[in-house]
Amino acid sequence: MRKIIFLDFDGVMHPDGIGTFSQRSLFEECLAKMPDVGIVVSSSWRETESLDELRTHFSAKFRDQIIGTTPSLDSGYDAGGRQREIEAFLRSSQWPTANCAWIALDDTALFFDEDCPNLMLTDASKGFTSQTAHDLLAWYRGG
C-alpha cells in the first residue's frame, strides 16, 4: 500500500512567520526512514511556485519523493477546504484512497473536517518537532 504525506509549509516546515524551512533537517531525518513515502505539497506555496521550484526547498536526495501538488479549489480556505483538495488529488491520481494511506501535516485544523483521522496537527509556533517526527514514523510503521 502506498503511503502519502500531504505537506503544508508555514507552521510545519518552519514556525509560522519565523524563518524559512528551519525544520527541514529534522523532517528529512524522519523522511530518510520512510524511503518509499510520497510527498504531495498542499501548502499555499503551490499557488506561486511550480513543482520543480517547490522541490528546491528540500535536499536533492529527497526531491524525487515529492510527487505532486494538490489542486487549488475555490473552497480551499474554507472549513474542510484543504481536505477537499487532498481528496480531489486522490480521486484524480493513481493512488485512490483504497490503494493508499495518507496523512496531512498541517497547522490549521479548520482546513479539515473536525473528525478527520488523517490530520497530524502541528503547533504553528513550533512547526515540525521531534514529537511530530515520532508520531509520523509511528503512522508510517502502521502503529
N, C-alpha and C. Protein backbone atom coordinates (compact mmCIF):
# COMPACT_ATOMS: atom_id res chain seq x y z
N MET A 1 0.85 -1.18 0.00
CA MET A 1 0.00 0.00 0.00
C MET A 1 0.90 1.24 0.00
N ARG A 2 0.61 2.16 -0.89
CA ARG A 2 1.38 3.41 -1.00
C ARG A 2 1.02 4.34 0.17
N LYS A 3 2.02 5.01 0.71
CA LYS A 3 1.79 5.98 1.79
C LYS A 3 2.17 7.36 1.27
N ILE A 4 1.30 8.32 1.56
CA ILE A 4 1.48 9.68 1.08
C ILE A 4 1.36 10.67 2.23
N ILE A 5 2.28 11.62 2.27
CA ILE A 5 2.22 12.73 3.20
C ILE A 5 1.79 13.97 2.41
N PHE A 6 0.71 14.60 2.84
CA PHE A 6 0.29 15.89 2.28
C PHE A 6 0.89 16.96 3.18
N LEU A 7 1.77 17.77 2.61
CA LEU A 7 2.63 18.63 3.40
C LEU A 7 2.32 20.11 3.24
N ASP A 8 2.02 20.74 4.36
CA ASP A 8 1.91 22.19 4.44
C ASP A 8 3.32 22.71 4.77
N PHE A 9 3.60 23.96 4.46
CA PHE A 9 4.92 24.53 4.76
C PHE A 9 4.88 25.44 5.99
N ASP A 10 4.11 26.54 5.91
CA ASP A 10 4.07 27.50 7.01
C ASP A 10 3.44 26.86 8.24
N GLY A 11 4.15 26.89 9.35
CA GLY A 11 3.65 26.28 10.57
C GLY A 11 4.01 24.81 10.68
N VAL A 12 4.63 24.26 9.64
CA VAL A 12 5.09 22.86 9.66
C VAL A 12 6.59 22.82 9.39
N MET A 13 7.00 23.26 8.22
CA MET A 13 8.42 23.24 7.87
C MET A 13 9.20 24.35 8.56
N HIS A 14 8.50 25.29 9.11
CA HIS A 14 9.08 26.36 9.93
C HIS A 14 7.93 26.96 10.75
N PRO A 15 8.26 27.55 11.91
CA PRO A 15 7.20 28.23 12.67
C PRO A 15 6.57 29.30 11.78
N ASP A 16 5.29 29.45 11.89
CA ASP A 16 4.56 30.39 11.05
C ASP A 16 5.10 31.80 11.23
N GLY A 17 5.57 32.39 10.14
CA GLY A 17 6.09 33.75 10.17
C GLY A 17 7.51 33.89 10.67
N ILE A 18 8.17 32.77 10.99
CA ILE A 18 9.53 32.83 11.55
C ILE A 18 10.45 31.96 10.71
N GLY A 19 11.37 32.57 10.01
CA GLY A 19 12.35 31.81 9.25
C GLY A 19 11.74 31.08 8.07
N THR A 20 12.58 30.37 7.39
CA THR A 20 12.13 29.58 6.25
C THR A 20 12.78 28.21 6.30
N PHE A 21 11.98 27.19 6.38
CA PHE A 21 12.41 25.79 6.34
C PHE A 21 13.43 25.46 7.44
N SER A 22 13.26 26.07 8.59
CA SER A 22 14.16 25.81 9.71
C SER A 22 14.01 24.40 10.27
N GLN A 23 12.89 23.74 9.99
CA GLN A 23 12.67 22.38 10.49
C GLN A 23 12.96 21.33 9.41
N ARG A 24 13.49 21.77 8.29
CA ARG A 24 13.73 20.85 7.16
C ARG A 24 14.64 19.69 7.55
N SER A 25 15.74 19.95 8.25
CA SER A 25 16.68 18.86 8.56
C SER A 25 16.01 17.79 9.43
N LEU A 26 15.22 18.20 10.40
CA LEU A 26 14.51 17.22 11.23
C LEU A 26 13.50 16.45 10.40
N PHE A 27 12.77 17.14 9.53
CA PHE A 27 11.81 16.47 8.66
C PHE A 27 12.53 15.48 7.75
N GLU A 28 13.66 15.88 7.19
CA GLU A 28 14.40 15.00 6.28
C GLU A 28 15.02 13.81 7.01
N GLU A 29 15.43 13.99 8.27
CA GLU A 29 15.91 12.85 9.08
C GLU A 29 14.80 11.81 9.20
N CYS A 30 13.60 12.29 9.44
CA CYS A 30 12.44 11.40 9.54
C CYS A 30 12.14 10.77 8.18
N LEU A 31 12.19 11.57 7.15
CA LEU A 31 11.90 11.09 5.79
C LEU A 31 12.88 10.01 5.35
N ALA A 32 14.11 10.08 5.80
CA ALA A 32 15.11 9.08 5.45
C ALA A 32 14.71 7.68 5.93
N LYS A 33 13.88 7.62 6.95
CA LYS A 33 13.40 6.35 7.48
C LYS A 33 12.13 5.88 6.78
N MET A 34 11.68 6.66 5.79
CA MET A 34 10.46 6.34 5.04
C MET A 34 10.75 6.48 3.54
N PRO A 35 11.67 5.69 2.99
CA PRO A 35 12.14 5.92 1.63
C PRO A 35 11.09 5.76 0.53
N ASP A 36 10.02 5.06 0.81
CA ASP A 36 9.02 4.83 -0.23
C ASP A 36 7.77 5.70 -0.07
N VAL A 37 7.79 6.63 0.87
CA VAL A 37 6.64 7.51 1.06
C VAL A 37 6.66 8.60 -0.02
N GLY A 38 5.49 8.95 -0.52
CA GLY A 38 5.38 10.06 -1.46
C GLY A 38 4.95 11.32 -0.72
N ILE A 39 5.40 12.46 -1.21
CA ILE A 39 5.02 13.74 -0.61
C ILE A 39 4.26 14.54 -1.64
N VAL A 40 3.12 15.06 -1.23
CA VAL A 40 2.33 15.95 -2.07
C VAL A 40 2.22 17.27 -1.34
N VAL A 41 2.61 18.34 -1.99
CA VAL A 41 2.58 19.65 -1.36
C VAL A 41 1.14 20.18 -1.36
N SER A 42 0.64 20.44 -0.16
CA SER A 42 -0.71 21.01 -0.01
C SER A 42 -0.64 22.46 0.44
N SER A 43 0.56 22.95 0.67
CA SER A 43 0.79 24.33 1.11
C SER A 43 0.31 25.33 0.08
N SER A 44 -0.07 26.51 0.54
CA SER A 44 -0.45 27.58 -0.38
C SER A 44 0.72 27.99 -1.28
N TRP A 45 1.93 27.60 -0.93
CA TRP A 45 3.09 27.91 -1.77
C TRP A 45 2.93 27.31 -3.17
N ARG A 46 2.13 26.26 -3.30
CA ARG A 46 1.92 25.62 -4.60
C ARG A 46 1.21 26.55 -5.58
N GLU A 47 0.61 27.62 -5.06
CA GLU A 47 -0.11 28.56 -5.92
C GLU A 47 0.84 29.57 -6.58
N THR A 48 2.07 29.69 -6.08
CA THR A 48 3.01 30.67 -6.64
C THR A 48 4.31 30.03 -7.13
N GLU A 49 4.52 28.76 -6.83
CA GLU A 49 5.74 28.08 -7.27
C GLU A 49 5.39 26.81 -8.02
N SER A 50 6.18 26.50 -9.03
CA SER A 50 6.00 25.26 -9.78
C SER A 50 6.46 24.08 -8.93
N LEU A 51 6.13 22.88 -9.36
CA LEU A 51 6.56 21.69 -8.64
C LEU A 51 8.08 21.64 -8.55
N ASP A 52 8.77 21.95 -9.63
CA ASP A 52 10.23 21.96 -9.59
C ASP A 52 10.76 22.99 -8.61
N GLU A 53 10.14 24.16 -8.54
CA GLU A 53 10.57 25.17 -7.58
C GLU A 53 10.31 24.71 -6.15
N LEU A 54 9.19 24.07 -5.90
CA LEU A 54 8.87 23.56 -4.56
C LEU A 54 9.90 22.52 -4.13
N ARG A 55 10.33 21.69 -5.07
CA ARG A 55 11.32 20.66 -4.75
C ARG A 55 12.65 21.26 -4.29
N THR A 56 12.99 22.45 -4.76
CA THR A 56 14.29 23.04 -4.41
C THR A 56 14.39 23.41 -2.93
N HIS A 57 13.30 23.41 -2.22
CA HIS A 57 13.33 23.72 -0.79
C HIS A 57 13.81 22.53 0.04
N PHE A 58 14.04 21.39 -0.64
CA PHE A 58 14.46 20.17 0.04
C PHE A 58 15.81 19.72 -0.50
N SER A 59 16.52 18.92 0.27
CA SER A 59 17.79 18.37 -0.16
C SER A 59 17.58 17.51 -1.40
N ALA A 60 18.59 17.48 -2.26
CA ALA A 60 18.49 16.77 -3.54
C ALA A 60 18.05 15.32 -3.38
N LYS A 61 18.51 14.64 -2.36
CA LYS A 61 18.18 13.21 -2.22
C LYS A 61 16.71 12.95 -1.93
N PHE A 62 15.95 13.98 -1.54
CA PHE A 62 14.54 13.79 -1.22
C PHE A 62 13.60 14.36 -2.28
N ARG A 63 14.13 15.07 -3.25
CA ARG A 63 13.27 15.77 -4.22
C ARG A 63 12.40 14.84 -5.05
N ASP A 64 12.90 13.65 -5.36
CA ASP A 64 12.10 12.70 -6.15
C ASP A 64 10.91 12.16 -5.38
N GLN A 65 10.93 12.27 -4.07
CA GLN A 65 9.80 11.81 -3.27
C GLN A 65 8.63 12.79 -3.32
N ILE A 66 8.88 14.00 -3.80
CA ILE A 66 7.82 14.99 -3.92
C ILE A 66 7.14 14.74 -5.26
N ILE A 67 5.95 14.14 -5.20
CA ILE A 67 5.31 13.59 -6.39
C ILE A 67 4.24 14.49 -6.99
N GLY A 68 3.90 15.58 -6.30
CA GLY A 68 2.87 16.44 -6.87
C GLY A 68 2.39 17.49 -5.90
N THR A 69 1.33 18.18 -6.33
CA THR A 69 0.68 19.19 -5.52
C THR A 69 -0.82 18.95 -5.57
N THR A 70 -1.50 19.37 -4.54
CA THR A 70 -2.96 19.28 -4.56
C THR A 70 -3.51 20.38 -5.46
N PRO A 71 -4.70 20.15 -6.02
CA PRO A 71 -5.32 21.21 -6.81
C PRO A 71 -5.77 22.35 -5.89
N SER A 72 -5.85 23.54 -6.44
CA SER A 72 -6.36 24.69 -5.69
C SER A 72 -7.85 24.82 -6.00
N LEU A 73 -8.67 24.53 -5.02
CA LEU A 73 -10.12 24.65 -5.18
C LEU A 73 -10.59 25.98 -4.61
N ASP A 74 -11.69 26.49 -5.11
CA ASP A 74 -12.25 27.74 -4.60
C ASP A 74 -12.50 27.68 -3.10
N SER A 75 -12.83 26.49 -2.60
CA SER A 75 -13.16 26.33 -1.18
C SER A 75 -11.94 25.98 -0.33
N GLY A 76 -10.73 26.07 -0.90
CA GLY A 76 -9.53 25.64 -0.20
C GLY A 76 -9.27 26.29 1.13
N TYR A 77 -9.73 27.52 1.30
CA TYR A 77 -9.50 28.22 2.57
C TYR A 77 -10.74 28.21 3.46
N ASP A 78 -11.76 27.49 3.06
CA ASP A 78 -12.97 27.34 3.87
C ASP A 78 -12.78 26.18 4.84
N ALA A 79 -13.71 26.05 5.77
CA ALA A 79 -13.67 24.92 6.70
C ALA A 79 -13.68 23.62 5.89
N GLY A 80 -12.72 22.76 6.15
CA GLY A 80 -12.61 21.49 5.44
C GLY A 80 -12.03 21.60 4.04
N GLY A 81 -11.65 22.79 3.61
CA GLY A 81 -11.22 23.02 2.23
C GLY A 81 -9.96 22.29 1.82
N ARG A 82 -8.95 22.29 2.67
CA ARG A 82 -7.71 21.60 2.31
C ARG A 82 -7.95 20.10 2.22
N GLN A 83 -8.79 19.58 3.07
CA GLN A 83 -9.13 18.16 2.99
C GLN A 83 -9.82 17.86 1.65
N ARG A 84 -10.69 18.75 1.19
CA ARG A 84 -11.34 18.56 -0.12
C ARG A 84 -10.31 18.55 -1.24
N GLU A 85 -9.29 19.41 -1.12
CA GLU A 85 -8.23 19.44 -2.13
C GLU A 85 -7.44 18.13 -2.13
N ILE A 86 -7.16 17.61 -0.97
CA ILE A 86 -6.46 16.32 -0.85
C ILE A 86 -7.31 15.22 -1.47
N GLU A 87 -8.58 15.20 -1.14
CA GLU A 87 -9.48 14.18 -1.69
C GLU A 87 -9.58 14.29 -3.21
N ALA A 88 -9.56 15.52 -3.73
CA ALA A 88 -9.59 15.72 -5.18
C ALA A 88 -8.31 15.17 -5.81
N PHE A 89 -7.17 15.40 -5.17
CA PHE A 89 -5.91 14.85 -5.67
C PHE A 89 -5.99 13.33 -5.72
N LEU A 90 -6.46 12.73 -4.64
CA LEU A 90 -6.53 11.27 -4.58
C LEU A 90 -7.48 10.70 -5.64
N ARG A 91 -8.60 11.37 -5.86
CA ARG A 91 -9.55 10.90 -6.89
C ARG A 91 -8.94 10.95 -8.29
N SER A 92 -8.10 11.94 -8.53
CA SER A 92 -7.55 12.13 -9.87
C SER A 92 -6.21 11.44 -10.06
N SER A 93 -5.70 10.79 -9.05
CA SER A 93 -4.37 10.19 -9.14
C SER A 93 -4.44 8.68 -9.28
N GLN A 94 -3.26 8.11 -9.40
CA GLN A 94 -3.15 6.65 -9.46
C GLN A 94 -3.21 6.02 -8.07
N TRP A 95 -3.40 6.85 -7.04
CA TRP A 95 -3.45 6.33 -5.67
C TRP A 95 -4.78 6.67 -5.01
N PRO A 96 -5.87 6.11 -5.49
CA PRO A 96 -7.14 6.37 -4.81
C PRO A 96 -7.07 5.86 -3.37
N THR A 97 -7.95 6.37 -2.54
CA THR A 97 -7.87 6.07 -1.10
C THR A 97 -7.89 4.58 -0.80
N ALA A 98 -8.46 3.76 -1.67
CA ALA A 98 -8.48 2.32 -1.43
C ALA A 98 -7.08 1.72 -1.55
N ASN A 99 -6.19 2.40 -2.28
CA ASN A 99 -4.85 1.86 -2.52
C ASN A 99 -3.73 2.61 -1.78
N CYS A 100 -4.10 3.53 -0.92
CA CYS A 100 -3.05 4.26 -0.21
C CYS A 100 -3.51 4.65 1.18
N ALA A 101 -2.53 4.92 2.00
CA ALA A 101 -2.76 5.50 3.32
C ALA A 101 -2.15 6.89 3.26
N TRP A 102 -2.86 7.87 3.80
CA TRP A 102 -2.33 9.23 3.74
C TRP A 102 -2.46 9.93 5.08
N ILE A 103 -1.58 10.91 5.24
CA ILE A 103 -1.58 11.75 6.42
C ILE A 103 -1.33 13.18 5.96
N ALA A 104 -1.97 14.12 6.60
CA ALA A 104 -1.76 15.53 6.29
C ALA A 104 -1.01 16.16 7.46
N LEU A 105 0.15 16.73 7.18
CA LEU A 105 0.89 17.51 8.17
C LEU A 105 0.52 18.96 7.96
N ASP A 106 -0.20 19.52 8.91
CA ASP A 106 -0.74 20.88 8.75
C ASP A 106 -0.86 21.52 10.12
N ASP A 107 -0.88 22.84 10.14
CA ASP A 107 -1.03 23.56 11.41
C ASP A 107 -2.41 24.19 11.57
N THR A 108 -3.32 23.96 10.60
CA THR A 108 -4.63 24.61 10.64
C THR A 108 -5.74 23.56 10.64
N ALA A 109 -6.29 23.29 11.82
CA ALA A 109 -7.36 22.30 11.94
C ALA A 109 -8.60 22.68 11.15
N LEU A 110 -8.86 23.98 11.03
CA LEU A 110 -10.05 24.46 10.33
C LEU A 110 -10.12 23.96 8.88
N PHE A 111 -8.97 23.71 8.26
CA PHE A 111 -8.95 23.28 6.86
C PHE A 111 -9.34 21.82 6.68
N PHE A 112 -9.67 21.15 7.77
CA PHE A 112 -10.02 19.72 7.75
C PHE A 112 -11.33 19.50 8.50
N ASP A 113 -12.00 18.40 8.16
CA ASP A 113 -13.21 18.05 8.90
C ASP A 113 -12.82 17.83 10.36
N GLU A 114 -13.73 18.13 11.23
CA GLU A 114 -13.46 18.02 12.67
C GLU A 114 -13.02 16.62 13.07
N ASP A 115 -13.54 15.61 12.41
CA ASP A 115 -13.24 14.22 12.76
C ASP A 115 -12.25 13.57 11.79
N CYS A 116 -11.45 14.35 11.08
CA CYS A 116 -10.52 13.81 10.09
C CYS A 116 -9.43 12.98 10.78
N PRO A 117 -9.42 11.66 10.56
CA PRO A 117 -8.42 10.82 11.21
C PRO A 117 -7.05 10.92 10.56
N ASN A 118 -6.95 11.60 9.43
CA ASN A 118 -5.71 11.68 8.67
C ASN A 118 -4.92 12.95 8.93
N LEU A 119 -5.37 13.78 9.85
CA LEU A 119 -4.69 15.03 10.14
C LEU A 119 -3.71 14.86 11.29
N MET A 120 -2.46 15.23 11.05
CA MET A 120 -1.47 15.32 12.11
C MET A 120 -1.18 16.80 12.28
N LEU A 121 -1.74 17.36 13.31
CA LEU A 121 -1.70 18.80 13.54
C LEU A 121 -0.39 19.20 14.22
N THR A 122 0.24 20.25 13.68
CA THR A 122 1.44 20.80 14.31
C THR A 122 1.09 22.11 14.99
N ASP A 123 1.91 22.50 15.93
CA ASP A 123 1.78 23.79 16.60
C ASP A 123 2.45 24.82 15.69
N ALA A 124 1.69 25.78 15.20
CA ALA A 124 2.21 26.76 14.24
C ALA A 124 3.39 27.54 14.79
N SER A 125 3.48 27.68 16.10
CA SER A 125 4.58 28.45 16.68
C SER A 125 5.87 27.63 16.77
N LYS A 126 5.78 26.32 16.52
CA LYS A 126 6.97 25.44 16.60
C LYS A 126 7.27 24.74 15.28
N GLY A 127 6.25 24.38 14.54
CA GLY A 127 6.46 23.61 13.32
C GLY A 127 6.72 22.15 13.62
N PHE A 128 7.41 21.49 12.73
CA PHE A 128 7.72 20.06 12.84
C PHE A 128 8.72 19.86 13.97
N THR A 129 8.34 19.04 14.94
CA THR A 129 9.17 18.82 16.13
C THR A 129 9.58 17.35 16.22
N SER A 130 10.41 17.03 17.19
CA SER A 130 10.80 15.63 17.40
C SER A 130 9.58 14.78 17.75
N GLN A 131 8.60 15.36 18.44
CA GLN A 131 7.37 14.61 18.73
C GLN A 131 6.58 14.35 17.44
N THR A 132 6.53 15.34 16.55
CA THR A 132 5.87 15.13 15.27
C THR A 132 6.58 14.03 14.50
N ALA A 133 7.91 14.04 14.51
CA ALA A 133 8.69 13.01 13.82
C ALA A 133 8.36 11.63 14.39
N HIS A 134 8.30 11.53 15.70
CA HIS A 134 7.95 10.26 16.35
C HIS A 134 6.56 9.79 15.91
N ASP A 135 5.60 10.70 15.93
CA ASP A 135 4.23 10.35 15.54
C ASP A 135 4.14 9.98 14.07
N LEU A 136 4.88 10.68 13.22
CA LEU A 136 4.86 10.39 11.79
C LEU A 136 5.46 9.03 11.50
N LEU A 137 6.54 8.69 12.16
CA LEU A 137 7.15 7.36 11.99
C LEU A 137 6.22 6.26 12.50
N ALA A 138 5.51 6.52 13.59
CA ALA A 138 4.54 5.55 14.09
C ALA A 138 3.43 5.33 13.06
N TRP A 139 2.96 6.40 12.42
CA TRP A 139 1.95 6.26 11.36
C TRP A 139 2.52 5.44 10.21
N TYR A 140 3.73 5.75 9.80
CA TYR A 140 4.36 5.07 8.67
C TYR A 140 4.51 3.57 8.95
N ARG A 141 4.87 3.25 10.17
CA ARG A 141 5.08 1.84 10.54
C ARG A 141 3.78 1.12 10.85
N GLY A 142 2.69 1.87 10.80
CA GLY A 142 1.38 1.25 10.98
C GLY A 142 0.91 1.16 12.40
N GLY A 143 1.52 1.90 13.31
CA GLY A 143 1.16 1.78 14.71
C GLY A 143 0.75 3.01 15.35
